């Protein structure tokens, strides 16, 4: 299906800007106050968690605020997930200097949808720069099978865009596969459309695996969206297939395209589906109803499950099924990622088997 580089120290590498999530307990809205939990988070490490919890080696490239207790908290969290990490220690520069990004988010309940407030002022991740990493050592000597990049990091700042491009170029030089989740965010792109379109296009031209939703492909790459179909996700799948086919024509070097499909009935109940195109062949996970404790991280869980299957050398359909189930499993946790016990737990989700295991 795809050819993986062998004898690598790391199965998966993710560049990321680590941050903090502050969330009220019991699904309450943030404005209600009360007790809050603090989590270390990033979309890219959400993806990597599927791989690390299931025993494969993961490397994280990031930046930390020097001497910060919150940076120490983040490092401890990454260690608990079994991830190696490296990155510069950036001086804070005083109380108004650098810090780790903060997401203030609730999970919603019933007819009240979740709300997320991003506070990224002074984000240390905006300083990510290839000069702070020995990319030749990482990709050439240590070795990486798949590097997974996100449009969130690529669009953080002009510097991080160049950082992602440098990573892709060195990765391809050393035979590492490139996975790219477009993750378009309008607030990141405002006033930078020409610059970011060029960066995203170059990454896609070098990518082996491309992940994105309807908005991502249209707004980040300028690809026309799916044609109008019938009601419900299942009826719209042909439209999504047409859109991805147009993307594949623009980027013929990409072997695998994937997208999740979600329909929200209420905060705790979604229809969840997925599509995969591998070397021109289509595979479908038809939308099914899932129960949701916290929706944040479901798409990342899907990406992580898909990449895990590819790293294991599974056939495309099995990779899609595992990705669907890993994403569904992630929505049953209040962390932004699933703390997976073993493969059997994920396959039980796919099979719809929620019976007790003794």
Protein backbone atom coordinates (compact mmCIF):
# COMPACT_ATOMS: atom_id res chain seq x y z
CA UNK A 1 0.00 0.00 0.00
CA UNK A 2 2.71 2.48 1.06
CA UNK A 3 6.39 1.79 1.64
CA UNK A 4 7.76 2.65 5.08
CA UNK A 5 11.40 3.33 5.83
CA UNK A 6 12.87 0.59 8.01
CA UNK A 7 15.30 0.59 10.99
CA UNK A 8 14.02 3.90 12.35
CA UNK A 9 14.19 5.05 15.94
CA UNK A 10 10.79 6.72 15.65
CA UNK A 11 7.59 5.48 14.07
CA UNK A 12 5.99 8.93 14.18
CA UNK A 13 7.22 12.48 14.62
CA UNK A 14 5.03 15.56 15.19
CA UNK A 15 6.04 19.23 15.27
CA UNK A 16 3.69 21.08 17.60
CA UNK A 17 2.99 24.06 19.83
CA UNK A 18 2.06 22.65 23.22
CA UNK A 19 -0.60 24.39 25.24
CA UNK A 20 -3.06 24.09 28.08
CA UNK A 21 -6.76 23.33 28.17
CA UNK A 22 -8.84 24.67 31.03
CA UNK A 23 -12.23 22.94 31.24
CA UNK A 24 -15.10 23.05 33.72
CA UNK A 25 -16.17 19.78 35.24
CA UNK A 26 -19.42 17.89 34.57
CA UNK A 27 -20.01 19.50 31.18
CA UNK A 28 -20.90 22.90 32.63
CA UNK A 29 -20.34 26.08 30.60
CA UNK A 30 -17.21 28.05 31.45
CA UNK A 31 -19.30 31.05 32.53
CA UNK A 32 -20.89 28.95 35.29
CA UNK A 33 -17.58 28.84 37.16
CA UNK A 34 -16.87 26.17 39.75
CA UNK A 35 -14.04 23.65 39.53
CA UNK A 36 -11.84 23.39 36.45
CA UNK A 37 -9.36 20.81 35.22
CA UNK A 38 -6.01 21.62 33.59
CA UNK A 39 -4.71 19.53 30.69
CA UNK A 40 -1.67 19.62 28.43
CA UNK A 41 -2.84 19.60 24.84
CA UNK A 42 -2.17 20.09 21.15
CA UNK A 43 -3.87 18.71 18.07
CA UNK A 44 -0.67 17.05 16.90
CA UNK A 45 0.05 15.22 20.15
CA UNK A 46 -3.62 14.15 20.21
CA UNK A 47 -2.84 12.33 16.95
CA UNK A 48 0.44 10.93 18.25
CA UNK A 49 -1.16 9.64 21.46
CA UNK A 50 -2.92 6.84 19.59
CA UNK A 51 0.46 5.65 18.35
CA UNK A 52 2.34 6.05 21.63
CA UNK A 53 -0.31 4.46 23.85
CA UNK A 54 -0.25 1.43 21.55
CA UNK A 55 3.48 1.02 22.01
CA UNK A 56 5.13 2.64 18.98
CA UNK A 57 7.86 5.24 19.35
CA UNK A 58 6.92 8.93 19.05
CA UNK A 59 9.02 12.10 18.92
CA UNK A 60 7.65 15.60 19.57
CA UNK A 61 9.39 18.76 18.33
CA UNK A 62 8.20 21.83 20.22
CA UNK A 63 9.31 24.86 22.26
CA UNK A 64 9.05 25.55 25.98
CA UNK A 65 9.03 28.65 28.15
CA UNK A 66 12.22 28.49 30.18
CA UNK A 67 11.66 27.94 33.91
CA UNK A 68 7.86 27.86 33.59
CA UNK A 69 6.00 25.49 35.94
CA UNK A 70 3.46 25.05 33.16
CA UNK A 71 6.22 23.93 30.80
CA UNK A 72 7.25 21.40 33.46
CA UNK A 73 3.62 20.24 33.65
CA UNK A 74 3.53 19.78 29.86
CA UNK A 75 6.81 17.83 29.86
CA UNK A 76 5.50 15.52 32.56
CA UNK A 77 2.34 14.92 30.59
CA UNK A 78 4.25 14.05 27.41
CA UNK A 79 6.42 11.62 29.38
CA UNK A 80 3.27 9.98 30.81
CA UNK A 81 2.10 9.35 27.24
CA UNK A 82 5.40 7.65 26.38
CA UNK A 83 6.65 10.38 24.04
CA UNK A 84 10.18 11.65 23.52
CA UNK A 85 10.43 15.40 23.03
CA UNK A 86 12.99 18.07 22.34
CA UNK A 87 12.96 21.79 21.75
CA UNK A 88 14.48 25.10 22.83
CA UNK A 89 13.91 26.69 26.23
CA UNK A 90 12.78 30.22 25.34
CA UNK A 91 13.22 32.91 28.03
CA UNK A 92 9.87 34.31 29.10
CA UNK A 93 11.05 37.90 28.80
CA UNK A 94 9.04 39.15 31.77
CA UNK A 95 5.35 38.90 32.72
CA UNK A 96 4.25 40.18 29.29
CA UNK A 97 6.51 37.86 27.31
CA UNK A 98 6.13 34.32 26.03
CA UNK A 99 3.76 31.67 27.36
CA UNK A 100 2.07 28.47 26.32
CA UNK A 101 -1.23 28.82 24.48
CA UNK A 102 -4.46 28.40 26.45
CA UNK A 103 -7.74 26.87 25.29
CA UNK A 104 -10.72 27.54 27.54
CA UNK A 105 -13.31 24.96 26.54
CA UNK A 106 -16.40 23.19 27.79
CA UNK A 107 -17.87 20.01 26.34
CA UNK A 108 -21.48 21.16 26.08
CA UNK A 109 -24.51 19.15 27.12
CA UNK A 110 -27.67 18.17 25.27
CA UNK A 111 -28.91 21.03 23.12
CA UNK A 112 -26.16 23.34 24.47
CA UNK A 113 -23.19 23.00 22.17
CA UNK A 114 -19.57 23.15 23.35
CA UNK A 115 -17.71 26.44 23.21
CA UNK A 116 -13.96 26.98 22.79
CA UNK A 117 -12.09 30.22 23.47
CA UNK A 118 -8.53 30.30 22.13
CA UNK A 119 -6.05 32.58 23.90
CA UNK A 120 -2.78 32.45 21.95
CA UNK A 121 -1.22 35.83 22.71
CA UNK A 122 2.53 35.50 23.26
CA UNK A 123 2.45 31.84 22.23
CA UNK A 124 5.94 30.35 22.47
CA UNK A 125 5.15 27.93 19.67
CA UNK A 126 5.21 30.83 17.22
CA UNK A 127 9.01 30.87 17.63
CA UNK A 128 9.54 27.34 16.27
CA UNK A 129 12.52 27.43 13.93
CA UNK A 130 14.50 24.71 12.17
CA UNK A 131 17.77 26.25 13.38
CA UNK A 132 16.86 25.02 16.88
CA UNK A 133 16.73 21.38 15.74
CA UNK A 134 19.28 19.09 14.12
CA UNK A 135 16.94 17.83 11.41
CA UNK A 136 19.71 15.87 9.70
CA UNK A 137 20.33 13.93 12.91
CA UNK A 138 16.63 13.36 13.55
CA UNK A 139 15.68 12.20 10.05
CA UNK A 140 19.03 10.99 8.74
CA UNK A 141 20.65 9.23 11.73
CA UNK A 142 17.80 8.46 14.14
CA UNK A 143 15.23 7.89 11.40
CA UNK A 144 11.49 8.56 11.26
CA UNK A 145 8.89 6.49 9.41
CA UNK A 146 6.09 9.10 9.23
CA UNK A 147 6.14 12.81 10.06
CA UNK A 148 2.68 14.24 10.71
CA UNK A 149 2.20 17.98 10.21
CA UNK A 150 -0.80 20.16 10.91
CA UNK A 151 -2.01 23.31 9.21
CA UNK A 152 -2.38 24.80 12.69
CA UNK A 153 1.39 24.83 13.16
CA UNK A 154 2.14 25.75 9.55
CA UNK A 155 -0.07 28.86 9.89
CA UNK A 156 0.97 30.01 13.38
CA UNK A 157 3.54 32.51 12.10
CA UNK A 158 5.74 33.08 9.03
CA UNK A 159 8.53 31.42 11.01
CA UNK A 160 6.56 28.23 11.73
CA UNK A 161 5.52 28.03 8.09
CA UNK A 162 9.17 27.95 7.08
CA UNK A 163 9.85 25.47 9.90
CA UNK A 164 7.25 23.05 8.50
CA UNK A 165 8.62 23.40 4.97
CA UNK A 166 12.15 22.69 6.21
CA UNK A 167 10.92 19.57 7.99
CA UNK A 168 9.13 18.31 4.89
CA UNK A 169 12.16 18.85 2.66
CA UNK A 170 14.54 17.03 5.01
CA UNK A 171 12.01 14.26 5.65
CA UNK A 172 11.57 13.56 1.95
CA UNK A 173 15.34 13.58 1.44
CA UNK A 174 15.67 10.75 3.97
CA UNK A 175 12.70 8.64 2.85
CA UNK A 176 10.24 9.61 5.61
CA UNK A 177 6.58 9.63 4.62
CA UNK A 178 4.77 12.95 5.07
CA UNK A 179 1.26 13.16 6.51
CA UNK A 180 -0.51 16.54 6.46
CA UNK A 181 -3.78 17.44 8.19
CA UNK A 182 -4.81 20.76 6.64
CA UNK A 183 -6.65 22.05 9.75
CA UNK A 184 -7.70 25.36 8.18
CA UNK A 185 -8.46 28.17 10.65
CA UNK A 186 -9.87 31.41 9.22
CA UNK A 187 -8.45 33.54 12.06
CA UNK A 188 -4.91 32.31 11.26
CA UNK A 189 -5.30 33.06 7.54
CA UNK A 190 -6.71 36.58 7.76
CA UNK A 191 -4.50 38.89 5.69
CA UNK A 192 -2.05 36.04 4.89
CA UNK A 193 -3.95 34.14 2.21
CA UNK A 194 -1.31 34.33 -0.55
CA UNK A 195 1.56 33.43 1.81
CA UNK A 196 -0.22 30.48 3.41
CA UNK A 197 -1.71 29.12 0.18
CA UNK A 198 1.86 28.84 -1.17
CA UNK A 199 3.10 27.06 1.98
CA UNK A 200 0.17 24.64 2.13
CA UNK A 201 0.46 23.91 -1.60
CA UNK A 202 4.16 23.01 -1.33
CA UNK A 203 3.51 20.72 1.64
CA UNK A 204 0.69 19.00 -0.25
CA UNK A 205 2.92 18.57 -3.30
CA UNK A 206 5.37 16.61 -1.13
CA UNK A 207 2.79 14.80 1.04
CA UNK A 208 2.06 11.08 0.93
CA UNK A 209 -1.01 11.26 3.17
CA UNK A 210 -3.49 14.15 3.12
CA UNK A 211 -6.24 14.60 5.70
CA UNK A 212 -8.89 17.29 5.67
CA UNK A 213 -12.56 18.14 5.72
CA UNK A 214 -14.79 20.01 3.30
CA UNK A 215 -13.73 23.46 4.54
CA UNK A 216 -10.02 22.54 4.60
CA UNK A 217 -9.83 21.53 0.95
CA UNK A 218 -11.88 24.47 -0.28
CA UNK A 219 -10.35 27.32 1.72
CA UNK A 220 -6.77 26.15 2.16
CA UNK A 221 -6.25 24.75 -1.34
CA UNK A 222 -8.89 26.49 -3.46
CA UNK A 223 -10.57 23.21 -4.46
CA UNK A 224 -14.29 23.39 -5.19
CA UNK A 225 -16.36 21.67 -2.52
CA UNK A 226 -18.73 18.72 -2.75
CA UNK A 227 -21.77 19.11 -4.96
CA UNK A 228 -25.11 19.29 -3.19
CA UNK A 229 -26.51 15.88 -2.35
CA UNK A 230 -29.43 14.52 -0.40
CA UNK A 231 -30.05 14.89 3.31
CA UNK A 232 -27.75 13.19 5.78
CA UNK A 233 -24.11 12.22 5.62
CA UNK A 234 -24.57 8.97 3.75
CA UNK A 235 -26.31 10.79 0.89
CA UNK A 236 -23.48 13.34 0.68
CA UNK A 237 -20.61 10.85 0.40
CA UNK A 238 -20.52 10.91 -3.40
CA UNK A 239 -20.07 14.68 -3.24
CA UNK A 240 -17.13 14.29 -0.89
CA UNK A 241 -15.62 11.65 -3.17
CA UNK A 242 -15.85 14.06 -6.08
CA UNK A 243 -14.12 16.79 -4.09
CA UNK A 244 -11.26 14.50 -3.04
CA UNK A 245 -10.90 13.29 -6.63
CA UNK A 246 -10.34 16.91 -7.67
CA UNK A 247 -7.71 17.27 -4.94
CA UNK A 248 -5.95 14.13 -6.18
CA UNK A 249 -5.76 15.58 -9.69
CA UNK A 250 -3.99 18.65 -8.33
CA UNK A 251 -1.66 16.61 -6.09
CA UNK A 252 -0.96 13.33 -7.93
CA UNK A 253 1.92 12.44 -5.60
CA UNK A 254 -0.44 11.86 -2.66
CA UNK A 255 -1.24 8.17 -2.15
CA UNK A 256 -3.81 8.42 0.64
CA UNK A 257 -6.62 10.92 1.19
CA UNK A 258 -8.86 10.77 4.26
CA UNK A 259 -11.68 12.74 5.81
CA UNK A 260 -14.09 12.33 8.68
CA UNK A 261 -17.82 13.01 8.34
CA UNK A 262 -19.84 14.25 11.30
CA UNK A 263 -23.49 15.10 11.84
CA UNK A 264 -24.45 16.54 15.23
CA UNK A 265 -27.81 15.66 16.75
CA UNK A 266 -26.88 17.15 20.11
CA UNK A 267 -23.70 17.60 22.16
CA UNK A 268 -23.77 13.98 23.28
CA UNK A 269 -24.95 12.23 20.13
CA UNK A 270 -23.34 12.37 16.67
CA UNK A 271 -23.38 10.45 13.43
CA UNK A 272 -19.75 9.59 12.71
CA UNK A 273 -18.35 8.39 9.39
CA UNK A 274 -15.16 8.49 7.34
CA UNK A 275 -13.80 8.16 3.81
CA UNK A 276 -10.44 6.91 2.58
CA UNK A 277 -8.99 6.97 -0.93
CA UNK A 278 -5.88 4.81 -1.26
CA UNK A 279 -4.06 4.60 -4.59
CA UNK A 280 -7.29 5.45 -6.41
CA UNK A 281 -9.49 2.95 -4.54
CA UNK A 282 -12.29 4.08 -2.21
CA UNK A 283 -13.08 2.74 1.26
CA UNK A 284 -16.00 3.89 3.40
CA UNK A 285 -16.95 3.80 7.06
CA UNK A 286 -20.67 4.46 6.82
CA UNK A 287 -21.97 7.00 9.35
CA UNK A 288 -23.06 5.45 12.63
CA UNK A 289 -24.43 6.97 15.79
CA UNK A 290 -21.92 7.43 18.61
CA UNK A 291 -22.32 8.78 22.14
CA UNK A 292 -20.04 11.70 22.90
CA UNK A 293 -18.63 12.76 26.26
CA UNK A 294 -16.39 15.47 24.74
CA UNK A 295 -16.10 15.99 20.98
CA UNK A 296 -12.73 17.78 21.00
CA UNK A 297 -10.03 15.53 19.58
CA UNK A 298 -12.27 13.13 17.68
CA UNK A 299 -10.77 14.07 14.31
CA UNK A 300 -7.26 13.83 15.75
CA UNK A 301 -8.08 10.38 17.08
CA UNK A 302 -9.17 9.34 13.59
CA UNK A 303 -5.88 10.59 12.11
CA UNK A 304 -3.89 8.80 14.82
CA UNK A 305 -5.73 5.53 14.28
CA UNK A 306 -5.25 5.75 10.53
CA UNK A 307 -1.52 6.40 10.88
CA UNK A 308 -1.17 3.60 13.42
CA UNK A 309 -2.70 1.16 10.94
CA UNK A 310 -0.36 2.35 8.19
CA UNK A 311 2.64 1.96 10.52
CA UNK A 312 1.48 -1.60 11.26
CA UNK A 313 1.30 -2.36 7.55
CA UNK A 314 -2.44 -3.08 7.50
CA UNK A 315 -4.61 -3.00 4.41
CA UNK A 316 -6.40 0.28 3.66
CA UNK A 317 -9.87 -0.77 4.78
CA UNK A 318 -8.58 -1.99 8.14
CA UNK A 319 -6.71 1.30 8.63
CA UNK A 320 -9.92 3.26 7.95
CA UNK A 321 -11.92 1.16 10.39
CA UNK A 322 -9.32 1.54 13.11
CA UNK A 323 -9.18 5.29 12.50
CA UNK A 324 -12.97 5.59 12.72
CA UNK A 325 -13.00 3.65 15.98
CA UNK A 326 -10.04 5.53 17.51
CA UNK A 327 -11.80 8.83 16.76
CA UNK A 328 -15.03 7.58 18.29
CA UNK A 329 -13.10 6.33 21.33
CA UNK A 330 -11.44 9.74 21.78
CA UNK A 331 -14.87 11.35 22.17
CA UNK A 332 -15.49 9.14 25.21
CA UNK A 333 -12.67 10.87 27.16
CA UNK A 334 -12.58 14.31 28.74
CA UNK A 335 -8.95 14.67 27.68
CA UNK A 336 -8.48 15.73 24.05
CA UNK A 337 -7.07 12.30 23.25
CA UNK A 338 -7.89 8.67 23.98
CA UNK A 339 -5.77 6.94 26.58
CA UNK A 340 -6.03 3.63 24.75
CA UNK A 341 -5.54 0.39 26.69
CA UNK A 342 -4.86 -1.89 23.71
CA UNK A 343 -5.92 -2.59 20.13
CA UNK A 344 -8.81 -4.77 21.33
CA UNK A 345 -10.41 -1.76 23.02
CA UNK A 346 -10.44 0.12 19.70
CA UNK A 347 -11.76 -2.84 17.72
CA UNK A 348 -14.56 -3.30 20.26
CA UNK A 349 -15.70 0.24 19.42
CA UNK A 350 -15.69 -0.60 15.72
CA UNK A 351 -17.72 -3.77 16.36
CA UNK A 352 -20.20 -1.91 18.56
CA UNK A 353 -19.35 -4.16 21.50
CA UNK A 354 -19.62 -2.22 24.75
CA UNK A 355 -20.07 -5.29 26.93
CA UNK A 356 -17.98 -5.60 30.08
CA UNK A 357 -14.61 -7.32 29.65
CA UNK A 358 -13.65 -9.39 32.69
